[in-house]
Protein backbone atom coordinates (compact mmCIF):
# COMPACT_ATOMS: atom_id res chain seq x y z
CA UNK A 1 17.61 45.34 -26.20
CA UNK A 2 18.11 41.56 -26.65
CA UNK A 3 16.34 39.21 -24.28
CA UNK A 4 18.74 37.71 -21.71
CA UNK A 5 19.73 34.12 -22.42
CA UNK A 6 18.39 31.64 -19.90
CA UNK A 7 20.70 29.15 -18.27
CA UNK A 8 20.05 25.46 -18.99
CA UNK A 9 18.55 25.06 -15.50
CA UNK A 10 16.23 28.04 -16.07
CA UNK A 11 15.15 26.52 -19.38
CA UNK A 12 14.30 23.25 -17.60
CA UNK A 13 12.36 25.15 -14.93
CA UNK A 14 10.35 27.02 -17.58
CA UNK A 15 9.65 23.80 -19.46
CA UNK A 16 8.36 22.06 -16.34
CA UNK A 17 6.16 25.07 -15.46
CA UNK A 18 4.47 24.67 -18.84
CA UNK A 19 3.61 20.99 -18.37
CA UNK A 20 0.12 19.70 -17.77
CA UNK A 21 -0.62 19.89 -14.03
CA UNK A 22 -1.33 16.15 -13.99
CA UNK A 23 2.33 15.37 -14.70
CA UNK A 24 4.16 18.54 -13.58
CA UNK A 25 4.59 17.38 -9.96
CA UNK A 26 5.92 13.98 -11.05
CA UNK A 27 8.52 15.60 -13.30
CA UNK A 28 9.48 18.09 -10.55
CA UNK A 29 9.98 15.24 -8.08
CA UNK A 30 12.05 13.23 -10.57
CA UNK A 31 14.18 16.32 -11.21
CA UNK A 32 14.84 16.80 -7.48
CA UNK A 33 15.75 13.13 -7.02
CA UNK A 34 18.06 13.02 -10.05
CA UNK A 35 19.89 16.25 -9.17
CA UNK A 36 20.33 15.20 -5.54
CA UNK A 37 22.15 11.97 -6.42
CA UNK A 38 25.42 13.48 -7.69
CA UNK A 39 26.89 17.00 -7.73
CA UNK A 40 28.30 16.39 -11.23
CA UNK A 41 24.84 16.05 -12.77
CA UNK A 42 23.89 18.91 -15.07
CA UNK A 43 20.60 19.54 -16.84
CA UNK A 44 19.36 20.96 -20.10
CA UNK A 45 16.47 20.73 -22.51
CA UNK A 46 17.23 18.03 -25.07
CA UNK A 47 14.71 16.66 -27.56
CA UNK A 48 12.24 19.23 -26.17
CA UNK A 49 12.27 17.64 -22.69
CA UNK A 50 14.44 17.77 -19.55
CA UNK A 51 17.68 15.79 -19.75
CA UNK A 52 20.09 15.19 -16.88
CA UNK A 53 23.62 14.11 -17.62
CA UNK A 54 26.95 13.35 -16.01
CA UNK A 55 30.25 11.92 -17.23
CA UNK A 56 28.76 8.41 -16.94
CA UNK A 57 25.39 8.73 -18.63
CA UNK A 58 22.15 10.58 -19.17
CA UNK A 59 18.55 10.37 -17.99
CA UNK A 60 15.96 11.89 -20.28
CA UNK A 61 12.46 12.65 -18.94
CA UNK A 62 9.85 12.53 -21.66
CA UNK A 63 6.36 13.66 -20.75
CA UNK A 64 3.45 13.38 -23.12
CA UNK A 65 -0.24 12.68 -23.47
CA UNK A 66 -1.26 9.64 -25.50
CA UNK A 67 -4.94 10.48 -25.26
CA UNK A 68 -7.16 12.99 -23.48
CA UNK A 69 -6.97 11.24 -20.10
CA UNK A 70 -3.74 9.28 -20.61
CA UNK A 71 -0.79 11.38 -19.45
CA UNK A 72 2.62 9.69 -19.25
CA UNK A 73 6.14 10.30 -18.07
CA UNK A 74 8.92 8.12 -19.47
CA UNK A 75 12.50 7.84 -18.29
CA UNK A 76 15.09 7.08 -20.93
CA UNK A 77 18.40 6.07 -19.34
CA UNK A 78 21.40 6.11 -21.65
CA UNK A 79 25.02 5.13 -21.03
CA UNK A 80 27.60 7.74 -21.97
CA UNK A 81 28.57 5.79 -25.11
CA UNK A 82 25.19 6.61 -26.71
CA UNK A 83 25.59 10.38 -26.99
CA UNK A 84 27.89 13.35 -27.07
CA UNK A 85 27.45 16.59 -25.12
CA UNK A 86 29.36 19.45 -23.61
CA UNK A 87 29.96 18.46 -19.99
CA UNK A 88 33.09 19.19 -17.98
CA UNK A 89 33.68 15.47 -17.44
CA UNK A 90 32.88 14.37 -20.98
CA UNK A 91 35.78 12.59 -22.64
CA UNK A 92 33.96 11.85 -25.89
CA UNK A 93 35.24 13.48 -29.04
């Protein structure tokens, strides 16, 4: 029997659960803040990290370790003109 396909939100949840504990809570908090700002925001894994997008733009959370004790979380904020995605409000072709 094939494994059930996870929703984009479930994929984001699983990704965050697998993060280093030192940055997991930060990413979880950022996720809650971003999703609470607008009901049109959707999420998915893009570039192997959580991405949150709406008809007006996207926020990409990139978490990584530069060195053993140097754990980082970056926010990449892109206007809608920089990408294309399947979103109900997307008017890009």
